[in-house]
């Protein structure tokens, strides 16, 4: 089984709420969430490689990356699956070792390529349908932090018992209840498969953690 080694994030609708403010002087403003900023920082400190893959060529993406010391980002991207492959090549990663989080139709190919995919609660139906995990939080309001907390929550616990339940174990109810309208439009309803895939992600992260604590390097299956 492959180890999760990197997280790739779309920006608009994932790290932001998808909105944009244009000032009278042409300035562009976007709102980021400090919970997500902390989450990215925690992921990097834990040894995960974090990248941004954005369809927009905005200087605000550069500013976010500079704040978090992210040195490998892609802007103005029209083919995010190709960008994800290029990122994997630069870091000697396999796509199966990457988690991709997106929210719209232009993210679906990259989500399909990645070993694990996630989407915010308010993502478009195509992304919700493709995602292995849908967070309870919306984009720009802690969805990235929620994902990263899940990825890191097994740290220091060889048995990974802290990951046996948690908020994402309730994903089935959320799908059947508040997101029933999304399901009617073609979003995923196979909750048991969701739970199985989340448990697989947990197992991969825990394996990586256990071996790193013993000074060994995880091999790729």
N, C-alpha and C. Protein backbone atom coordinates (compact mmCIF):
# COMPACT_ATOMS: atom_id res chain seq x y z
N UNK A 1 0.84 -1.19 0.00
CA UNK A 1 0.00 0.00 0.00
C UNK A 1 0.88 1.25 0.00
N UNK A 2 0.52 2.23 -0.82
CA UNK A 2 1.32 3.43 -0.96
C UNK A 2 1.11 4.37 0.22
N UNK A 3 2.17 5.08 0.57
CA UNK A 3 2.13 6.04 1.66
C UNK A 3 1.71 7.41 1.14
N UNK A 4 0.86 8.09 1.88
CA UNK A 4 0.48 9.45 1.52
C UNK A 4 1.64 10.39 1.87
N UNK A 5 2.17 11.07 0.88
CA UNK A 5 3.34 11.92 1.08
C UNK A 5 3.11 13.38 0.71
N UNK A 6 2.00 13.69 0.05
CA UNK A 6 1.80 15.07 -0.41
C UNK A 6 0.31 15.40 -0.47
N UNK A 7 0.02 16.69 -0.36
CA UNK A 7 -1.34 17.20 -0.49
C UNK A 7 -1.33 18.33 -1.52
N UNK A 8 -2.16 18.22 -2.53
CA UNK A 8 -2.30 19.25 -3.55
C UNK A 8 -3.67 19.91 -3.40
N UNK A 9 -3.68 21.23 -3.43
CA UNK A 9 -4.90 21.97 -3.15
C UNK A 9 -5.24 22.93 -4.29
N UNK A 10 -6.48 22.88 -4.72
CA UNK A 10 -7.02 23.97 -5.52
C UNK A 10 -7.11 25.19 -4.60
N UNK A 11 -7.24 26.37 -5.16
CA UNK A 11 -7.29 27.59 -4.34
C UNK A 11 -8.72 28.12 -4.23
N UNK A 12 -9.27 28.61 -5.33
CA UNK A 12 -10.61 29.21 -5.29
C UNK A 12 -11.67 28.15 -5.04
N UNK A 13 -12.43 28.33 -3.97
CA UNK A 13 -13.46 27.37 -3.60
C UNK A 13 -12.98 26.30 -2.64
N UNK A 14 -11.67 26.23 -2.43
CA UNK A 14 -11.09 25.28 -1.48
C UNK A 14 -10.42 26.04 -0.34
N UNK A 15 -9.40 26.82 -0.67
CA UNK A 15 -8.76 27.69 0.32
C UNK A 15 -9.52 29.01 0.48
N UNK A 16 -10.36 29.34 -0.50
CA UNK A 16 -11.24 30.50 -0.38
C UNK A 16 -12.68 30.02 -0.52
N UNK A 17 -13.63 30.93 -0.29
CA UNK A 17 -15.04 30.57 -0.44
C UNK A 17 -15.51 30.69 -1.88
N UNK A 18 -14.58 30.95 -2.79
CA UNK A 18 -14.93 31.06 -4.20
C UNK A 18 -15.30 32.45 -4.63
N UNK A 19 -15.39 33.38 -3.68
CA UNK A 19 -15.74 34.76 -4.02
C UNK A 19 -14.51 35.59 -4.32
N UNK A 20 -14.73 36.74 -4.92
CA UNK A 20 -13.64 37.67 -5.20
C UNK A 20 -14.19 39.09 -5.12
N UNK A 21 -13.40 39.98 -4.56
CA UNK A 21 -13.76 41.39 -4.51
C UNK A 21 -12.87 42.15 -5.50
N UNK A 22 -13.50 42.99 -6.33
CA UNK A 22 -12.76 43.86 -7.22
C UNK A 22 -12.95 45.30 -6.78
N UNK A 23 -11.85 45.97 -6.46
CA UNK A 23 -11.91 47.36 -6.05
C UNK A 23 -12.03 48.28 -7.24
N UNK A 24 -12.41 49.54 -7.00
CA UNK A 24 -12.56 50.50 -8.10
C UNK A 24 -11.26 50.78 -8.84
N UNK A 25 -10.14 50.49 -8.19
CA UNK A 25 -8.84 50.69 -8.84
C UNK A 25 -8.34 49.42 -9.53
N UNK A 26 -9.20 48.39 -9.59
CA UNK A 26 -8.83 47.15 -10.24
C UNK A 26 -8.19 46.12 -9.32
N UNK A 27 -8.00 46.47 -8.05
CA UNK A 27 -7.39 45.53 -7.11
C UNK A 27 -8.32 44.34 -6.87
N UNK A 28 -7.72 43.18 -6.70
CA UNK A 28 -8.46 41.94 -6.45
C UNK A 28 -8.20 41.47 -5.03
N UNK A 29 -9.27 41.10 -4.34
CA UNK A 29 -9.14 40.65 -2.96
C UNK A 29 -9.81 39.29 -2.81
N UNK A 30 -9.18 38.43 -2.03
CA UNK A 30 -9.76 37.14 -1.69
C UNK A 30 -9.59 36.90 -0.20
N UNK A 31 -10.52 36.15 0.36
CA UNK A 31 -10.49 35.88 1.79
C UNK A 31 -9.98 34.47 2.05
N UNK A 32 -8.97 34.36 2.90
CA UNK A 32 -8.45 33.06 3.33
C UNK A 32 -8.78 32.85 4.81
N UNK A 33 -8.75 31.60 5.24
CA UNK A 33 -9.14 31.23 6.60
C UNK A 33 -7.89 30.85 7.39
N UNK A 34 -7.72 31.42 8.58
CA UNK A 34 -6.54 31.13 9.38
C UNK A 34 -6.51 29.69 9.87
N UNK A 35 -7.66 29.06 10.00
CA UNK A 35 -7.66 27.64 10.37
C UNK A 35 -6.99 26.82 9.26
N UNK A 36 -7.27 27.17 8.01
CA UNK A 36 -6.64 26.48 6.89
C UNK A 36 -5.15 26.79 6.81
N UNK A 37 -4.80 28.04 7.08
CA UNK A 37 -3.38 28.44 7.08
C UNK A 37 -2.62 27.62 8.11
N UNK A 38 -3.17 27.49 9.31
CA UNK A 38 -2.53 26.68 10.35
C UNK A 38 -2.45 25.22 9.92
N UNK A 39 -3.50 24.73 9.26
CA UNK A 39 -3.50 23.35 8.81
C UNK A 39 -2.38 23.07 7.82
N UNK A 40 -2.18 23.97 6.87
CA UNK A 40 -1.10 23.80 5.89
C UNK A 40 0.25 23.82 6.60
N UNK A 41 0.40 24.72 7.56
CA UNK A 41 1.64 24.79 8.32
C UNK A 41 1.90 23.49 9.08
N UNK A 42 0.87 22.94 9.70
CA UNK A 42 1.01 21.68 10.43
C UNK A 42 1.37 20.53 9.50
N UNK A 43 0.77 20.52 8.32
CA UNK A 43 1.07 19.46 7.36
C UNK A 43 2.54 19.51 6.95
N UNK A 44 3.04 20.70 6.69
CA UNK A 44 4.44 20.84 6.29
C UNK A 44 5.39 20.44 7.42
N UNK A 45 5.05 20.83 8.63
CA UNK A 45 5.89 20.46 9.77
C UNK A 45 5.91 18.96 9.98
N UNK A 46 4.83 18.29 9.58
CA UNK A 46 4.75 16.83 9.72
C UNK A 46 5.48 16.11 8.60
N UNK A 47 6.00 16.85 7.63
CA UNK A 47 6.78 16.24 6.56
C UNK A 47 6.04 16.04 5.25
N UNK A 48 4.78 16.45 5.19
CA UNK A 48 4.03 16.34 3.94
C UNK A 48 4.42 17.48 3.00
N UNK A 49 4.48 17.18 1.71
CA UNK A 49 4.72 18.21 0.71
C UNK A 49 3.36 18.79 0.33
N UNK A 50 3.26 20.12 0.36
CA UNK A 50 2.00 20.78 0.04
C UNK A 50 2.20 21.65 -1.19
N UNK A 51 1.30 21.54 -2.14
CA UNK A 51 1.36 22.37 -3.33
C UNK A 51 -0.01 22.98 -3.61
N UNK A 52 0.00 24.08 -4.35
CA UNK A 52 -1.23 24.73 -4.80
C UNK A 52 -1.30 24.59 -6.31
N UNK A 53 -2.47 24.22 -6.81
CA UNK A 53 -2.70 24.14 -8.25
C UNK A 53 -3.95 24.94 -8.55
N UNK A 54 -3.76 26.13 -9.10
CA UNK A 54 -4.86 27.08 -9.28
C UNK A 54 -5.10 27.40 -10.75
N UNK A 55 -6.35 27.50 -11.11
CA UNK A 55 -6.69 27.90 -12.46
C UNK A 55 -6.51 29.38 -12.69
N UNK A 56 -6.39 30.15 -11.62
CA UNK A 56 -6.22 31.60 -11.72
C UNK A 56 -4.75 31.98 -11.63
N UNK A 57 -4.38 33.02 -12.36
CA UNK A 57 -3.01 33.54 -12.30
C UNK A 57 -3.03 34.81 -11.44
N UNK A 58 -3.23 34.62 -10.16
CA UNK A 58 -3.42 35.74 -9.24
C UNK A 58 -2.21 35.94 -8.35
N UNK A 59 -1.78 37.17 -8.13
CA UNK A 59 -0.67 37.42 -7.20
C UNK A 59 -1.02 37.04 -5.77
N UNK A 60 -2.31 36.91 -5.47
CA UNK A 60 -2.72 36.50 -4.13
C UNK A 60 -2.34 35.05 -3.85
N UNK A 61 -2.27 34.23 -4.90
CA UNK A 61 -1.80 32.86 -4.74
C UNK A 61 -0.33 32.87 -4.34
N UNK A 62 0.45 33.76 -5.00
CA UNK A 62 1.86 33.90 -4.65
C UNK A 62 2.02 34.36 -3.20
N UNK A 63 1.17 35.29 -2.79
CA UNK A 63 1.27 35.81 -1.42
C UNK A 63 0.96 34.74 -0.39
N UNK A 64 -0.08 33.93 -0.68
CA UNK A 64 -0.41 32.82 0.23
C UNK A 64 0.75 31.83 0.29
N UNK A 65 1.29 31.49 -0.88
CA UNK A 65 2.40 30.53 -0.92
C UNK A 65 3.61 31.06 -0.17
N UNK A 66 3.90 32.36 -0.32
CA UNK A 66 5.05 32.95 0.37
C UNK A 66 4.87 32.89 1.88
N UNK A 67 3.65 33.14 2.33
CA UNK A 67 3.38 33.12 3.77
C UNK A 67 3.62 31.74 4.36
N UNK A 68 3.26 30.71 3.60
CA UNK A 68 3.41 29.33 4.07
C UNK A 68 4.70 28.67 3.60
N UNK A 69 5.53 29.43 2.89
CA UNK A 69 6.81 28.93 2.36
C UNK A 69 6.60 27.73 1.45
N UNK A 70 5.60 27.84 0.59
CA UNK A 70 5.34 26.81 -0.41
C UNK A 70 6.11 27.21 -1.68
N UNK A 71 7.07 26.40 -2.04
CA UNK A 71 7.96 26.78 -3.14
C UNK A 71 7.56 26.19 -4.48
N UNK A 72 6.63 25.27 -4.50
CA UNK A 72 6.22 24.62 -5.74
C UNK A 72 4.72 24.81 -5.92
N UNK A 73 4.33 25.80 -6.73
CA UNK A 73 2.91 26.06 -6.98
C UNK A 73 2.70 26.20 -8.48
N UNK A 74 1.46 26.00 -8.90
CA UNK A 74 1.10 26.13 -10.30
C UNK A 74 -0.08 27.08 -10.41
N UNK A 75 0.07 28.13 -11.23
CA UNK A 75 -0.99 29.13 -11.42
C UNK A 75 -1.42 29.14 -12.89
N UNK A 76 -2.60 29.69 -13.13
CA UNK A 76 -3.10 29.78 -14.49
C UNK A 76 -3.21 28.43 -15.16
N UNK A 77 -3.56 27.42 -14.40
CA UNK A 77 -3.53 26.04 -14.88
C UNK A 77 -4.84 25.68 -15.59
N UNK A 78 -4.71 25.16 -16.81
CA UNK A 78 -5.88 24.72 -17.58
C UNK A 78 -6.04 23.21 -17.57
N UNK A 79 -5.01 22.50 -17.14
CA UNK A 79 -5.06 21.03 -17.07
C UNK A 79 -4.45 20.61 -15.74
N UNK A 80 -5.30 20.45 -14.75
CA UNK A 80 -4.80 20.19 -13.40
C UNK A 80 -4.27 18.77 -13.24
N UNK A 81 -4.77 17.84 -14.02
CA UNK A 81 -4.22 16.49 -13.97
C UNK A 81 -2.78 16.49 -14.48
N UNK A 82 -2.53 17.22 -15.55
CA UNK A 82 -1.16 17.33 -16.07
C UNK A 82 -0.27 18.05 -15.06
N UNK A 83 -0.80 19.07 -14.41
CA UNK A 83 -0.03 19.78 -13.40
C UNK A 83 0.30 18.87 -12.22
N UNK A 84 -0.64 18.02 -11.85
CA UNK A 84 -0.41 17.09 -10.75
C UNK A 84 0.67 16.07 -11.13
N UNK A 85 0.63 15.58 -12.37
CA UNK A 85 1.67 14.66 -12.82
C UNK A 85 3.04 15.33 -12.81
N UNK A 86 3.09 16.59 -13.25
CA UNK A 86 4.36 17.32 -13.27
C UNK A 86 4.89 17.52 -11.85
N UNK A 87 4.00 17.87 -10.94
CA UNK A 87 4.39 18.02 -9.53
C UNK A 87 4.94 16.70 -8.98
N UNK A 88 4.25 15.61 -9.28
CA UNK A 88 4.71 14.29 -8.82
C UNK A 88 6.10 13.99 -9.37
N UNK A 89 6.34 14.30 -10.63
CA UNK A 89 7.64 14.05 -11.22
C UNK A 89 8.75 14.85 -10.58
N UNK A 90 8.45 16.11 -10.27
CA UNK A 90 9.48 16.97 -9.65
C UNK A 90 9.88 16.50 -8.27
N UNK A 91 8.99 15.78 -7.60
CA UNK A 91 9.26 15.36 -6.23
C UNK A 91 9.40 13.85 -6.10
N UNK A 92 9.56 13.17 -7.21
CA UNK A 92 9.72 11.70 -7.21
C UNK A 92 8.58 11.02 -6.47
N UNK A 93 7.37 11.47 -6.75
CA UNK A 93 6.17 10.91 -6.13
C UNK A 93 5.39 10.10 -7.16
N UNK A 94 4.62 9.17 -6.67
CA UNK A 94 3.62 8.51 -7.49
C UNK A 94 2.28 9.20 -7.24
N UNK A 95 1.41 9.30 -8.25
CA UNK A 95 0.11 9.92 -8.03
C UNK A 95 -0.65 9.31 -6.86
N UNK A 96 -0.43 8.01 -6.64
CA UNK A 96 -1.11 7.32 -5.54
C UNK A 96 -0.68 7.83 -4.17
N UNK A 97 0.43 8.56 -4.12
CA UNK A 97 0.94 9.08 -2.85
C UNK A 97 0.46 10.50 -2.57
N UNK A 98 -0.44 11.01 -3.42
CA UNK A 98 -0.89 12.40 -3.32
C UNK A 98 -2.39 12.44 -3.04
N UNK A 99 -2.77 13.34 -2.15
CA UNK A 99 -4.18 13.67 -1.93
C UNK A 99 -4.46 14.99 -2.64
N UNK A 100 -5.53 15.04 -3.42
CA UNK A 100 -5.91 16.27 -4.12
C UNK A 100 -7.27 16.71 -3.62
N UNK A 101 -7.39 18.01 -3.30
CA UNK A 101 -8.68 18.57 -2.87
C UNK A 101 -9.13 19.62 -3.88
N UNK A 102 -10.31 19.41 -4.45
CA UNK A 102 -10.87 20.33 -5.42
C UNK A 102 -12.35 20.53 -5.21
N UNK A 103 -12.92 21.46 -5.97
CA UNK A 103 -14.33 21.80 -5.73
C UNK A 103 -15.18 21.95 -6.98
N UNK A 104 -14.59 21.81 -8.19
CA UNK A 104 -15.38 22.10 -9.38
C UNK A 104 -14.99 21.16 -10.52
N UNK A 105 -15.66 21.33 -11.64
CA UNK A 105 -15.49 20.40 -12.75
C UNK A 105 -14.05 20.36 -13.27
N UNK A 106 -13.33 21.47 -13.19
CA UNK A 106 -11.96 21.49 -13.69
C UNK A 106 -10.98 20.82 -12.73
N UNK A 107 -11.45 20.34 -11.60
CA UNK A 107 -10.62 19.60 -10.65
C UNK A 107 -10.80 18.09 -10.75
N UNK A 108 -11.84 17.66 -11.45
CA UNK A 108 -12.22 16.25 -11.41
C UNK A 108 -11.13 15.33 -11.96
N UNK A 109 -10.48 15.72 -13.05
CA UNK A 109 -9.43 14.86 -13.62
C UNK A 109 -8.27 14.67 -12.65
N UNK A 110 -7.89 15.73 -11.95
CA UNK A 110 -6.81 15.62 -10.96
C UNK A 110 -7.27 14.79 -9.77
N UNK A 111 -8.52 14.95 -9.37
CA UNK A 111 -9.06 14.15 -8.27
C UNK A 111 -9.06 12.67 -8.64
N UNK A 112 -9.36 12.37 -9.90
CA UNK A 112 -9.38 10.99 -10.36
C UNK A 112 -7.97 10.40 -10.41
N UNK A 113 -6.99 11.24 -10.72
CA UNK A 113 -5.60 10.79 -10.82
C UNK A 113 -4.98 10.52 -9.46
N UNK A 114 -5.31 11.35 -8.48
CA UNK A 114 -4.69 11.26 -7.15
C UNK A 114 -5.09 9.97 -6.44
N UNK A 115 -4.23 9.55 -5.52
CA UNK A 115 -4.53 8.36 -4.75
C UNK A 115 -5.70 8.53 -3.81
N UNK A 116 -5.93 9.77 -3.37
CA UNK A 116 -7.07 10.06 -2.49
C UNK A 116 -7.56 11.46 -2.84
N UNK A 117 -8.87 11.65 -2.90
CA UNK A 117 -9.43 12.94 -3.28
C UNK A 117 -10.42 13.43 -2.22
N UNK A 118 -10.50 14.74 -2.11
CA UNK A 118 -11.40 15.35 -1.14
C UNK A 118 -12.06 16.58 -1.75
N UNK A 119 -13.19 16.96 -1.18
CA UNK A 119 -13.92 18.14 -1.65
C UNK A 119 -14.58 18.82 -0.45
N UNK A 120 -14.70 20.15 -0.47
CA UNK A 120 -15.45 20.85 0.58
C UNK A 120 -16.93 20.53 0.48
N UNK A 121 -17.65 20.80 1.55
CA UNK A 121 -19.08 20.48 1.60
C UNK A 121 -19.87 21.20 0.51
N UNK A 122 -19.44 22.41 0.12
CA UNK A 122 -20.20 23.19 -0.85
C UNK A 122 -19.61 23.09 -2.25
N UNK A 123 -18.85 22.05 -2.53
CA UNK A 123 -18.30 21.85 -3.87
C UNK A 123 -19.43 21.56 -4.87
N UNK A 124 -19.10 21.70 -6.15
CA UNK A 124 -20.06 21.40 -7.19
C UNK A 124 -20.33 19.89 -7.25
N UNK A 125 -21.50 19.49 -7.76
CA UNK A 125 -21.87 18.07 -7.75
C UNK A 125 -20.83 17.15 -8.41
N UNK A 126 -20.19 17.60 -9.48
CA UNK A 126 -19.20 16.74 -10.14
C UNK A 126 -18.04 16.41 -9.22
N UNK A 127 -17.60 17.40 -8.44
CA UNK A 127 -16.50 17.17 -7.49
C UNK A 127 -16.97 16.33 -6.32
N UNK A 128 -18.17 16.58 -5.83
CA UNK A 128 -18.71 15.76 -4.74
C UNK A 128 -18.83 14.30 -5.17
N UNK A 129 -19.22 14.09 -6.40
CA UNK A 129 -19.38 12.73 -6.91
C UNK A 129 -18.04 12.00 -6.99
N UNK A 130 -16.99 12.73 -7.31
CA UNK A 130 -15.67 12.12 -7.48
C UNK A 130 -14.94 11.94 -6.16
N UNK A 131 -15.23 12.77 -5.17
CA UNK A 131 -14.43 12.80 -3.94
C UNK A 131 -14.55 11.53 -3.11
N UNK A 132 -13.41 11.07 -2.60
CA UNK A 132 -13.40 9.99 -1.61
C UNK A 132 -13.88 10.50 -0.26
N UNK A 133 -13.66 11.78 -0.02
CA UNK A 133 -14.04 12.39 1.26
C UNK A 133 -14.64 13.76 1.00
N UNK A 134 -15.79 14.03 1.59
CA UNK A 134 -16.40 15.36 1.57
C UNK A 134 -16.38 15.89 2.99
N UNK A 135 -15.75 17.03 3.20
CA UNK A 135 -15.66 17.59 4.55
C UNK A 135 -17.00 18.16 4.99
N UNK A 136 -17.12 18.37 6.28
CA UNK A 136 -18.31 19.04 6.81
C UNK A 136 -18.21 20.55 6.60
N UNK A 137 -17.01 21.09 6.54
CA UNK A 137 -16.79 22.52 6.37
C UNK A 137 -16.84 22.91 4.90
N UNK A 138 -17.22 24.15 4.65
CA UNK A 138 -17.23 24.70 3.31
C UNK A 138 -15.85 25.19 2.91
N UNK A 139 -15.68 25.41 1.62
CA UNK A 139 -14.43 25.97 1.14
C UNK A 139 -14.16 27.35 1.73
N UNK A 140 -12.91 27.60 2.08
CA UNK A 140 -12.54 28.89 2.66
C UNK A 140 -12.98 29.05 4.10
N UNK A 141 -13.53 28.00 4.68
CA UNK A 141 -14.04 28.05 6.06
C UNK A 141 -13.63 26.83 6.86
N UNK A 142 -12.41 26.35 6.63
CA UNK A 142 -11.89 25.26 7.43
C UNK A 142 -11.90 23.90 6.78
N UNK A 143 -12.30 23.81 5.50
CA UNK A 143 -12.33 22.50 4.84
C UNK A 143 -10.94 21.89 4.72
N UNK A 144 -9.96 22.71 4.38
CA UNK A 144 -8.59 22.21 4.26
C UNK A 144 -8.07 21.77 5.63
N UNK A 145 -8.34 22.54 6.66
CA UNK A 145 -7.92 22.17 8.01
C UNK A 145 -8.57 20.85 8.44
N UNK A 146 -9.84 20.68 8.09
CA UNK A 146 -10.54 19.45 8.45
C UNK A 146 -9.86 18.25 7.79
N UNK A 147 -9.52 18.39 6.52
CA UNK A 147 -8.83 17.31 5.81
C UNK A 147 -7.47 17.03 6.45
N UNK A 148 -6.70 18.08 6.69
CA UNK A 148 -5.35 17.89 7.23
C UNK A 148 -5.41 17.33 8.65
N UNK A 149 -6.35 17.77 9.45
CA UNK A 149 -6.50 17.19 10.79
C UNK A 149 -6.75 15.69 10.71
N UNK A 150 -7.56 15.27 9.74
CA UNK A 150 -7.82 13.85 9.56
C UNK A 150 -6.54 13.12 9.18
N UNK A 151 -5.78 13.70 8.27
CA UNK A 151 -4.55 13.07 7.81
C UNK A 151 -3.55 12.92 8.95
N UNK A 152 -3.46 13.94 9.80
CA UNK A 152 -2.44 13.95 10.85
C UNK A 152 -2.89 13.37 12.17
N UNK A 153 -4.16 13.06 12.33
CA UNK A 153 -4.67 12.70 13.65
C UNK A 153 -4.16 11.37 14.17
N UNK A 154 -3.52 10.55 13.33
CA UNK A 154 -2.96 9.30 13.80
C UNK A 154 -1.52 9.41 14.26
N UNK A 155 -0.94 10.63 14.24
CA UNK A 155 0.47 10.80 14.61
C UNK A 155 0.72 10.35 16.04
N UNK A 156 1.77 9.55 16.22
CA UNK A 156 2.17 9.15 17.56
C UNK A 156 1.35 8.03 18.15
N UNK A 157 0.43 7.48 17.38
CA UNK A 157 -0.43 6.41 17.89
C UNK A 157 -0.30 5.20 16.98
N UNK A 158 0.59 4.25 17.33
CA UNK A 158 0.82 3.11 16.44
C UNK A 158 -0.44 2.35 16.07
N UNK A 159 -1.36 2.25 16.99
CA UNK A 159 -2.58 1.51 16.70
C UNK A 159 -3.57 2.33 15.89
N UNK A 160 -3.33 3.64 15.81
CA UNK A 160 -4.21 4.54 15.07
C UNK A 160 -5.64 4.49 15.60
N UNK A 161 -5.80 4.23 16.88
CA UNK A 161 -7.14 4.10 17.42
C UNK A 161 -7.90 5.41 17.37
N UNK A 162 -7.17 6.53 17.37
CA UNK A 162 -7.85 7.83 17.32
C UNK A 162 -8.52 8.06 15.98
N UNK A 163 -8.15 7.27 14.97
CA UNK A 163 -8.75 7.43 13.66
C UNK A 163 -9.86 6.43 13.39
N UNK A 164 -10.21 5.63 14.39
CA UNK A 164 -11.21 4.60 14.15
C UNK A 164 -12.61 5.17 14.01
N UNK A 165 -12.83 6.39 14.52
CA UNK A 165 -14.14 7.01 14.39
C UNK A 165 -14.00 8.44 13.94
N UNK A 166 -14.44 9.38 14.77
CA UNK A 166 -14.27 10.78 14.44
C UNK A 166 -15.40 11.31 13.59
N UNK A 167 -15.31 12.62 13.28
CA UNK A 167 -16.41 13.28 12.59
C UNK A 167 -16.68 12.68 11.23
N UNK A 168 -15.66 12.14 10.56
CA UNK A 168 -15.87 11.64 9.21
C UNK A 168 -16.56 10.29 9.20
N UNK A 169 -16.64 9.63 10.34
CA UNK A 169 -17.43 8.40 10.41
C UNK A 169 -18.91 8.72 10.26
N UNK A 170 -19.27 9.99 10.45
CA UNK A 170 -20.67 10.40 10.30
C UNK A 170 -20.97 10.89 8.90
N UNK A 171 -20.03 10.70 7.99
CA UNK A 171 -20.20 11.13 6.60
C UNK A 171 -21.44 10.52 5.96
N UNK A 172 -21.76 9.25 6.34
CA UNK A 172 -22.92 8.58 5.77
C UNK A 172 -24.19 9.36 6.04
N UNK A 173 -24.37 9.81 7.29
CA UNK A 173 -25.58 10.52 7.65
C UNK A 173 -25.67 11.85 6.92
N UNK A 174 -24.53 12.51 6.78
CA UNK A 174 -24.53 13.80 6.09
C UNK A 174 -24.93 13.61 4.63
N UNK A 175 -24.46 12.52 4.04
CA UNK A 175 -24.81 12.26 2.64
C UNK A 175 -26.28 11.96 2.50
N UNK A 176 -26.81 11.16 3.41
CA UNK A 176 -28.21 10.76 3.32
C UNK A 176 -29.15 11.88 3.72
N UNK A 177 -28.67 12.81 4.55
CA UNK A 177 -29.53 13.87 5.07
C UNK A 177 -29.38 15.17 4.34
N UNK A 178 -28.51 16.05 4.87
CA UNK A 178 -28.43 17.41 4.37
C UNK A 178 -27.97 17.49 2.93
N UNK A 179 -27.29 16.45 2.41
CA UNK A 179 -26.82 16.49 1.03
C UNK A 179 -27.66 15.59 0.12
N UNK A 180 -28.87 15.27 0.57
CA UNK A 180 -29.71 14.41 -0.25
C UNK A 180 -30.01 15.05 -1.59
N UNK A 181 -30.14 16.40 -1.61
CA UNK A 181 -30.41 17.08 -2.86
C UNK A 181 -29.25 16.93 -3.83
N UNK A 182 -28.03 16.95 -3.30
CA UNK A 182 -26.86 16.75 -4.15
C UNK A 182 -26.87 15.33 -4.72
N UNK A 183 -27.23 14.38 -3.85
CA UNK A 183 -27.27 12.99 -4.31
C UNK A 183 -28.25 12.82 -5.46
N UNK A 184 -29.38 13.53 -5.42
CA UNK A 184 -30.37 13.42 -6.46
C UNK A 184 -29.85 13.96 -7.78
N UNK A 185 -28.84 14.83 -7.69
CA UNK A 185 -28.27 15.40 -8.92
C UNK A 185 -27.07 14.59 -9.40
N UNK A 186 -26.81 13.44 -8.79
CA UNK A 186 -25.75 12.58 -9.30
C UNK A 186 -24.55 12.47 -8.40
N UNK A 187 -24.59 13.10 -7.23
CA UNK A 187 -23.45 12.98 -6.32
C UNK A 187 -23.42 11.60 -5.70
N UNK A 188 -22.30 11.26 -5.09
CA UNK A 188 -22.12 9.91 -4.57
C UNK A 188 -23.07 9.63 -3.41
N UNK A 189 -23.63 8.43 -3.40
CA UNK A 189 -24.48 8.01 -2.29
C UNK A 189 -23.97 6.73 -1.66
N UNK A 190 -22.90 6.14 -2.20
CA UNK A 190 -22.39 4.88 -1.64
C UNK A 190 -21.53 5.18 -0.42
N UNK A 191 -22.18 5.43 0.72
CA UNK A 191 -21.50 5.87 1.94
C UNK A 191 -20.54 4.81 2.47
N UNK A 192 -20.90 3.53 2.32
CA UNK A 192 -20.01 2.49 2.82
C UNK A 192 -18.67 2.54 2.10
N UNK A 193 -18.70 2.82 0.80
CA UNK A 193 -17.45 2.94 0.04
C UNK A 193 -16.65 4.13 0.54
N UNK A 194 -17.33 5.23 0.86
CA UNK A 194 -16.65 6.41 1.41
C UNK A 194 -15.92 6.03 2.69
N UNK A 195 -16.63 5.34 3.58
CA UNK A 195 -16.03 4.98 4.87
C UNK A 195 -14.83 4.07 4.67
N UNK A 196 -14.94 3.13 3.73
CA UNK A 196 -13.83 2.23 3.45
C UNK A 196 -12.62 2.99 2.95
N UNK A 197 -12.82 3.95 2.05
CA UNK A 197 -11.71 4.70 1.49
C UNK A 197 -11.07 5.61 2.52
N UNK A 198 -11.89 6.21 3.40
CA UNK A 198 -11.32 7.03 4.47
C UNK A 198 -10.47 6.19 5.39
N UNK A 199 -10.94 4.99 5.74
CA UNK A 199 -10.14 4.10 6.58
C UNK A 199 -8.83 3.72 5.90
N UNK A 200 -8.86 3.56 4.56
CA UNK A 200 -7.63 3.26 3.83
C UNK A 200 -6.65 4.41 3.93
N UNK A 201 -7.16 5.65 3.82
CA UNK A 201 -6.30 6.82 3.99
C UNK A 201 -5.69 6.85 5.37
N UNK A 202 -6.51 6.58 6.38
CA UNK A 202 -6.00 6.59 7.74
C UNK A 202 -4.87 5.56 7.90
N UNK A 203 -5.08 4.37 7.33
CA UNK A 203 -4.08 3.32 7.45
C UNK A 203 -2.77 3.74 6.81
N UNK A 204 -2.84 4.41 5.65
CA UNK A 204 -1.64 4.83 4.95
C UNK A 204 -0.87 5.85 5.76
N UNK A 205 -1.59 6.82 6.34
CA UNK A 205 -0.93 7.86 7.13
C UNK A 205 -0.31 7.26 8.38
N UNK A 206 -1.03 6.35 9.04
CA UNK A 206 -0.52 5.74 10.25
C UNK A 206 0.72 4.91 9.98
N UNK A 207 0.73 4.18 8.85
CA UNK A 207 1.90 3.39 8.49
C UNK A 207 3.11 4.28 8.31
N UNK A 208 2.90 5.41 7.65
CA UNK A 208 3.99 6.35 7.44
C UNK A 208 4.52 6.88 8.76
N UNK A 209 3.59 7.18 9.67
CA UNK A 209 3.97 7.72 10.97
C UNK A 209 4.78 6.71 11.78
N UNK A 210 4.26 5.48 11.83
CA UNK A 210 4.92 4.45 12.64
C UNK A 210 6.34 4.22 12.16
N UNK A 211 6.55 4.12 10.87
CA UNK A 211 7.87 3.81 10.35
C UNK A 211 8.83 4.99 10.51
N UNK A 212 8.31 6.22 10.37
CA UNK A 212 9.18 7.37 10.54
C UNK A 212 9.66 7.49 11.97
N UNK A 213 8.85 7.06 12.93
CA UNK A 213 9.25 7.12 14.33
C UNK A 213 10.37 6.13 14.63
N UNK A 214 10.47 5.06 13.86
CA UNK A 214 11.50 4.07 14.07
C UNK A 214 12.71 4.31 13.17
N UNK A 215 12.73 5.46 12.51
CA UNK A 215 13.90 5.83 11.72
C UNK A 215 14.00 5.07 10.41
N UNK A 216 12.89 4.48 9.97
CA UNK A 216 12.94 3.75 8.71
C UNK A 216 12.22 4.57 7.66
N UNK A 217 12.49 4.26 6.43
CA UNK A 217 11.87 4.97 5.34
C UNK A 217 10.83 4.07 4.69
N UNK A 218 9.64 4.63 4.53
CA UNK A 218 8.55 3.85 3.96
C UNK A 218 8.82 3.53 2.49
N UNK A 219 8.65 2.30 2.14
CA UNK A 219 8.82 1.91 0.74
C UNK A 219 7.47 1.97 0.05
N UNK A 220 7.52 2.17 -1.24
CA UNK A 220 6.29 2.24 -2.01
C UNK A 220 5.94 0.86 -2.50
N UNK A 221 4.70 0.47 -2.18
CA UNK A 221 4.27 -0.86 -2.56
C UNK A 221 4.16 -0.96 -4.08
